[in-house]
Amino acid sequence: MTLHKSHNHPSSNLKPSQSDLKLTRRLVEVGKLLDLLILDHIILTKRGYFSFGDEGCYSPF
């Protein structure tokens, strides 16, 4: 099984918050325990998007 996580930042700030970083790390850890591959975590704004996967913020494998 795989999962993509996304959410918006109404402020249009593309930079991940400390909470975003912590949540992503925890999702990947839990995913490993459940045999669930977290493919990406994406932040959406009016200005564009930030992809944790594209930026190399974590390795889903």
Protein backbone atom coordinates (compact mmCIF):
# COMPACT_ATOMS: atom_id res chain seq x y z
CA MET A 1 0.00 0.00 0.00
CA THR A 2 1.09 3.55 -0.66
CA LEU A 3 0.10 6.99 0.60
CA HIS A 4 0.48 10.58 -0.57
CA LYS A 5 -0.11 13.22 2.09
CA SER A 6 -0.95 16.79 1.15
CA HIS A 7 -2.26 19.89 2.81
CA ASN A 8 -2.43 23.61 2.15
CA HIS A 9 -0.72 26.62 3.71
CA PRO A 10 -3.26 29.48 3.40
CA SER A 11 -0.43 31.93 4.16
CA SER A 12 1.19 30.97 0.78
CA ASN A 13 4.42 30.14 2.65
CA LEU A 14 5.95 27.16 0.84
CA LYS A 15 8.48 26.47 3.60
CA PRO A 16 7.60 23.41 5.72
CA SER A 17 7.03 24.18 9.39
CA GLN A 18 8.69 22.20 12.16
CA SER A 19 5.34 20.44 12.65
CA ASP A 20 5.28 19.48 8.95
CA LEU A 21 8.80 18.04 9.20
CA LYS A 22 8.01 16.14 12.40
CA LEU A 23 4.75 14.74 10.99
CA THR A 24 6.47 13.58 7.81
CA ARG A 25 9.21 11.78 9.75
CA ARG A 26 6.61 10.09 11.95
CA LEU A 27 4.46 9.06 8.98
CA VAL A 28 7.48 7.41 7.35
CA GLU A 29 8.36 5.61 10.62
CA VAL A 30 4.80 4.36 11.14
CA GLY A 31 4.54 3.44 7.47
CA LYS A 32 7.53 1.14 7.84
CA LEU A 33 5.84 -0.64 10.75
CA LEU A 34 2.61 -1.07 8.77
CA ASP A 35 4.29 -1.93 5.46
CA LEU A 36 2.86 1.31 4.04
CA LEU A 37 5.03 3.30 1.63
CA ILE A 38 4.72 7.07 2.07
CA LEU A 39 5.38 8.34 -1.45
CA ASP A 40 5.29 12.07 -0.73
CA HIS A 41 4.07 14.90 1.47
CA ILE A 42 3.08 17.96 -0.52
CA ILE A 43 2.33 21.49 0.69
CA LEU A 44 0.03 23.45 -1.63
CA THR A 45 -0.23 27.24 -1.81
CA LYS A 46 -1.46 29.86 -4.28
CA ARG A 47 2.22 30.35 -5.28
CA GLY A 48 2.92 26.70 -6.04
CA TYR A 49 3.83 23.62 -4.08
CA PHE A 50 6.58 22.07 -1.98
CA SER A 51 7.24 18.35 -2.36
CA PHE A 52 9.17 16.65 0.43
CA GLY A 53 10.08 13.89 -2.01
CA ASP A 54 11.34 16.26 -4.73
CA GLU A 55 13.39 18.22 -2.20
CA GLY A 56 14.99 15.07 -0.76
CA CYS A 57 13.64 15.74 2.72
CA TYR A 58 13.15 12.03 3.32
CA SER A 59 13.61 8.74 1.59
CA PRO A 60 10.40 6.74 1.22
CA PHE A 61 12.34 3.47 1.03
